[in-house]
C-alpha cells in the first residue's frame, strides 16, 4: 500500500515538473502544496472530498486543511496569491505553477468531477486547469 501511494505521489510531481519550468521535484512539490492549499479554500463539501480521494495522500491532506480564504479569488488573484507564497516567484512564473498543478489535478479528477469543481469556482478557472469550457 505505501509503495503505491509513494508512486502516485512521484507520478503526480513528475507531471507537475514536466508542465512547469521546474528543475527539481522539490520545486514542483512546493508549487503543488501552495496551489492545493489555495484551491482547498475554494472548494466545499463532497466535491472537495472526492477530489482529495483522487490525490496522493499528502496532497489530499493539504486540500482538506486549506489556507482560509475570505472570498473566492478570481483566477488572476489566485495566481497573485500563489506568487506571494512561493519565494522568488513572479506573476508569470506563478501562472505556470498554477497551470502545471491544476492541469495535473484535472487529469486526476476526470471530466465529471472537474465540471463540479469548476461550478464552485469563479469564472475563468477552466483556463488555469487547461480545460477551456465552451461558453
C-alpha atoms as a PDB file:
ATOM      1  CA  UNK A   1       0.000   0.000   0.000  1.00  0.00           C
ATOM      2  CA  UNK A   2       2.671   2.514   0.991  1.00  0.00           C
ATOM      3  CA  UNK A   3       4.646   1.898  -2.194  1.00  0.00           C
ATOM      4  CA  UNK A   4       1.582   2.550  -4.321  1.00  0.00           C
ATOM      5  CA  UNK A   5       0.962   5.850  -2.504  1.00  0.00           C
ATOM      6  CA  UNK A   6       4.570   6.908  -2.933  1.00  0.00           C
ATOM      7  CA  UNK A   7       4.450   6.069  -6.627  1.00  0.00           C
ATOM      8  CA  UNK A   8       1.284   8.046  -7.160  1.00  0.00           C
ATOM      9  CA  UNK A   9       2.914  10.971  -5.404  1.00  0.00           C
ATOM     10  CA  UNK A  10       6.005  10.713  -7.605  1.00  0.00           C
ATOM     11  CA  UNK A  11       3.878  10.405 -10.707  1.00  0.00           C
ATOM     12  CA  UNK A  12       1.857  13.468  -9.669  1.00  0.00           C
ATOM     13  CA  UNK A  13       5.017  15.513  -9.093  1.00  0.00           C
ATOM     14  CA  UNK A  14       6.569  14.279 -12.345  1.00  0.00           C
ATOM     15  CA  UNK A  15       3.568  15.636 -14.237  1.00  0.00           C
ATOM     16  CA  UNK A  16       3.795  18.978 -12.440  1.00  0.00           C
ATOM     17  CA  UNK A  17       7.529  19.145 -13.143  1.00  0.00           C
ATOM     18  CA  UNK A  18       7.085  18.329 -16.837  1.00  0.00           C
ATOM     19  CA  UNK A  19       4.421  21.008 -17.267  1.00  0.00           C
ATOM     20  CA  UNK A  20       6.259  23.770 -15.429  1.00  0.00           C
ATOM     21  CA  UNK A  21       9.660  25.370 -15.612  1.00  0.00           C
ATOM     22  CA  UNK A  22      10.988  23.377 -12.663  1.00  0.00           C
ATOM     23  CA  UNK A  23      14.297  21.613 -12.495  1.00  0.00           C
ATOM     24  CA  UNK A  24      13.602  19.699  -9.294  1.00  0.00           C
ATOM     25  CA  UNK A  25      10.878  17.674  -7.627  1.00  0.00           C
ATOM     26  CA  UNK A  26      11.270  19.914  -4.535  1.00  0.00           C
ATOM     27  CA  UNK A  27      10.241  22.979  -6.529  1.00  0.00           C
ATOM     28  CA  UNK A  28       7.337  21.097  -8.066  1.00  0.00           C
ATOM     29  CA  UNK A  29       6.247  19.939  -4.616  1.00  0.00           C
ATOM     30  CA  UNK A  30       6.401  23.463  -3.176  1.00  0.00           C
ATOM     31  CA  UNK A  31       4.188  24.730  -6.000  1.00  0.00           C
ATOM     32  CA  UNK A  32       1.775  21.816  -5.573  1.00  0.00           C
ATOM     33  CA  UNK A  33       1.465  22.487  -1.849  1.00  0.00           C
ATOM     34  CA  UNK A  34       0.744  26.199  -2.292  1.00  0.00           C
ATOM     35  CA  UNK A  35      -1.712  25.763  -5.156  1.00  0.00           C
ATOM     36  CA  UNK A  36      -3.606  22.938  -3.433  1.00  0.00           C
ATOM     37  CA  UNK A  37      -3.788  24.885  -0.162  1.00  0.00           C
ATOM     38  CA  UNK A  38      -5.320  27.823  -2.034  1.00  0.00           C
ATOM     39  CA  UNK A  39      -7.599  25.586  -4.110  1.00  0.00           C
ATOM     40  CA  UNK A  40      -8.851  23.807  -0.998  1.00  0.00           C
ATOM     41  CA  UNK A  41     -10.095  27.104   0.400  1.00  0.00           C
ATOM     42  CA  UNK A  42     -12.307  27.485  -2.677  1.00  0.00           C
ATOM     43  CA  UNK A  43     -13.947  24.058  -2.641  1.00  0.00           C
ATOM     44  CA  UNK A  44     -16.542  22.720  -0.241  1.00  0.00           C
ATOM     45  CA  UNK A  45     -18.302  19.545   0.736  1.00  0.00           C
ATOM     46  CA  UNK A  46     -18.481  16.427  -1.360  1.00  0.00           C
ATOM     47  CA  UNK A  47     -16.597  17.926  -4.305  1.00  0.00           C
ATOM     48  CA  UNK A  48     -13.552  18.679  -2.156  1.00  0.00           C
ATOM     49  CA  UNK A  49     -13.720  15.221  -0.543  1.00  0.00           C
ATOM     50  CA  UNK A  50     -13.978  13.479  -3.925  1.00  0.00           C
ATOM     51  CA  UNK A  51     -11.030  15.408  -5.319  1.00  0.00           C
ATOM     52  CA  UNK A  52      -8.938  14.661  -2.211  1.00  0.00           C
ATOM     53  CA  UNK A  53      -9.657  10.950  -2.689  1.00  0.00           C
ATOM     54  CA  UNK A  54      -8.032  11.119  -6.128  1.00  0.00           C
ATOM     55  CA  UNK A  55      -4.855  12.870  -4.987  1.00  0.00           C
ATOM     56  CA  UNK A  56      -1.748  11.376  -3.349  1.00  0.00           C
ATOM     57  CA  UNK A  57      -2.266  11.255   0.407  1.00  0.00           C
ATOM     58  CA  UNK A  58      -0.010  14.140   1.467  1.00  0.00           C
ATOM     59  CA  UNK A  59      -1.588  16.442  -1.099  1.00  0.00           C
ATOM     60  CA  UNK A  60      -5.082  15.295  -0.175  1.00  0.00           C
ATOM     61  CA  UNK A  61      -4.454  16.427   3.410  1.00  0.00           C
ATOM     62  CA  UNK A  62      -3.353  19.870   2.211  1.00  0.00           C
ATOM     63  CA  UNK A  63      -6.513  20.186   0.127  1.00  0.00           C
ATOM     64  CA  UNK A  64      -8.653  19.199   3.118  1.00  0.00           C
ATOM     65  CA  UNK A  65      -6.875  21.580   5.553  1.00  0.00           C
ATOM     66  CA  UNK A  66      -6.560  24.649   3.376  1.00  0.00           C
ATOM     67  CA  UNK A  67      -5.490  28.197   3.929  1.00  0.00           C
ATOM     68  CA  UNK A  68      -8.584  30.172   4.820  1.00  0.00           C
ATOM     69  CA  UNK A  69      -9.872  32.425   2.092  1.00  0.00           C
ATOM     70  CA  UNK A  70     -12.313  35.199   2.950  1.00  0.00           C
ATOM     71  CA  UNK A  71     -13.804  35.079  -0.534  1.00  0.00           C
ATOM     72  CA  UNK A  72     -13.338  33.084  -3.725  1.00  0.00           C
ATOM     73  CA  UNK A  73     -10.475  34.647  -5.646  1.00  0.00           C
ATOM     74  CA  UNK A  74     -10.890  35.326  -9.348  1.00  0.00           C
ATOM     75  CA  UNK A  75      -8.230  33.496 -11.408  1.00  0.00           C
ATOM     76  CA  UNK A  76      -5.812  36.420 -11.670  1.00  0.00           C
ATOM     77  CA  UNK A  77      -5.894  36.983  -7.893  1.00  0.00           C
ATOM     78  CA  UNK A  78      -5.428  33.251  -7.309  1.00  0.00           C
ATOM     79  CA  UNK A  79      -2.253  33.480  -9.408  1.00  0.00           C
ATOM     80  CA  UNK A  80      -1.112  36.555  -7.459  1.00  0.00           C
ATOM     81  CA  UNK A  81      -1.739  34.798  -4.147  1.00  0.00           C
ATOM     82  CA  UNK A  82       0.314  31.839  -5.384  1.00  0.00           C
ATOM     83  CA  UNK A  83       3.162  34.173  -6.339  1.00  0.00           C
ATOM     84  CA  UNK A  84       3.063  35.699  -2.854  1.00  0.00           C
ATOM     85  CA  UNK A  85       3.505  32.263  -1.212  1.00  0.00           C
ATOM     86  CA  UNK A  86       6.324  30.990  -3.445  1.00  0.00           C
ATOM     87  CA  UNK A  87       9.678  32.548  -2.727  1.00  0.00           C
ATOM     88  CA  UNK A  88      11.161  34.317  -5.733  1.00  0.00           C
ATOM     89  CA  UNK A  89       8.046  33.831  -7.859  1.00  0.00           C
ATOM     90  CA  UNK A  90       6.740  36.419 -10.305  1.00  0.00           C
ATOM     91  CA  UNK A  91       3.209  36.601 -11.635  1.00  0.00           C
ATOM     92  CA  UNK A  92       4.485  34.962 -14.837  1.00  0.00           C
ATOM     93  CA  UNK A  93       6.164  32.018 -13.088  1.00  0.00           C
ATOM     94  CA  UNK A  94       3.172  31.675 -10.758  1.00  0.00           C
ATOM     95  CA  UNK A  95       0.889  31.376 -13.797  1.00  0.00           C
ATOM     96  CA  UNK A  96       2.981  28.415 -14.993  1.00  0.00           C
ATOM     97  CA  UNK A  97       2.986  26.970 -11.477  1.00  0.00           C
ATOM     98  CA  UNK A  98      -0.778  27.179 -11.139  1.00  0.00           C
ATOM     99  CA  UNK A  99      -1.398  25.766 -14.616  1.00  0.00           C
ATOM    100  CA  UNK A 100       1.089  22.926 -14.114  1.00  0.00           C
ATOM    101  CA  UNK A 101      -0.504  21.909 -10.809  1.00  0.00           C
ATOM    102  CA  UNK A 102      -4.135  22.436 -11.801  1.00  0.00           C
ATOM    103  CA  UNK A 103      -3.810  20.627 -15.153  1.00  0.00           C
ATOM    104  CA  UNK A 104      -2.348  17.674 -13.215  1.00  0.00           C
ATOM    105  CA  UNK A 105      -5.256  17.944 -10.755  1.00  0.00           C
ATOM    106  CA  UNK A 106      -7.673  17.988 -13.727  1.00  0.00           C
ATOM    107  CA  UNK A 107      -6.178  14.727 -15.011  1.00  0.00           C
ATOM    108  CA  UNK A 108      -6.571  13.142 -11.568  1.00  0.00           C
ATOM    109  CA  UNK A 109     -10.138  14.435 -11.196  1.00  0.00           C
ATOM    110  CA  UNK A 110     -11.555  13.392 -14.546  1.00  0.00           C
ATOM    111  CA  UNK A 111     -14.067  15.380 -16.585  1.00  0.00           C
ATOM    112  CA  UNK A 112     -17.190  14.841 -14.472  1.00  0.00           C
ATOM    113  CA  UNK A 113     -15.631  15.857 -11.178  1.00  0.00           C
ATOM    114  CA  UNK A 114     -13.756  18.714 -12.844  1.00  0.00           C
ATOM    115  CA  UNK A 115     -17.092  20.038 -14.082  1.00  0.00           C
ATOM    116  CA  UNK A 116     -18.366  20.094 -10.499  1.00  0.00           C
ATOM    117  CA  UNK A 117     -15.139  21.723  -9.272  1.00  0.00           C
ATOM    118  CA  UNK A 118     -15.462  24.493 -11.866  1.00  0.00           C
ATOM    119  CA  UNK A 119     -19.043  25.187 -10.715  1.00  0.00           C
ATOM    120  CA  UNK A 120     -17.633  26.088  -7.276  1.00  0.00           C
ATOM    121  CA  UNK A 121     -15.009  28.455  -8.678  1.00  0.00           C
ATOM    122  CA  UNK A 122     -15.254  31.954 -10.159  1.00  0.00           C
ATOM    123  CA  UNK A 123     -15.354  32.229 -13.951  1.00  0.00           C
ATOM    124  CA  UNK A 124     -12.053  31.696 -15.757  1.00  0.00           C
ATOM    125  CA  UNK A 125     -10.560  28.792 -13.806  1.00  0.00           C
ATOM    126  CA  UNK A 126     -11.209  26.427 -16.721  1.00  0.00           C
ATOM    127  CA  UNK A 127      -8.190  28.023 -18.427  1.00  0.00           C
ATOM    128  CA  UNK A 128      -5.963  27.538 -15.362  1.00  0.00           C
ATOM    129  CA  UNK A 129      -6.953  23.849 -15.333  1.00  0.00           C
ATOM    130  CA  UNK A 130      -6.047  23.704 -19.022  1.00  0.00           C
ATOM    131  CA  UNK A 131      -9.610  22.695 -19.893  1.00  0.00           C
ATOM    132  CA  UNK A 132     -11.280  25.659 -21.663  1.00  0.00           C
ATOM    133  CA  UNK A 133     -15.046  25.198 -21.369  1.00  0.00           C
ATOM    134  CA  UNK A 134     -17.437  26.131 -24.176  1.00  0.00           C
ATOM    135  CA  UNK A 135     -19.205  29.362 -23.258  1.00  0.00           C
END
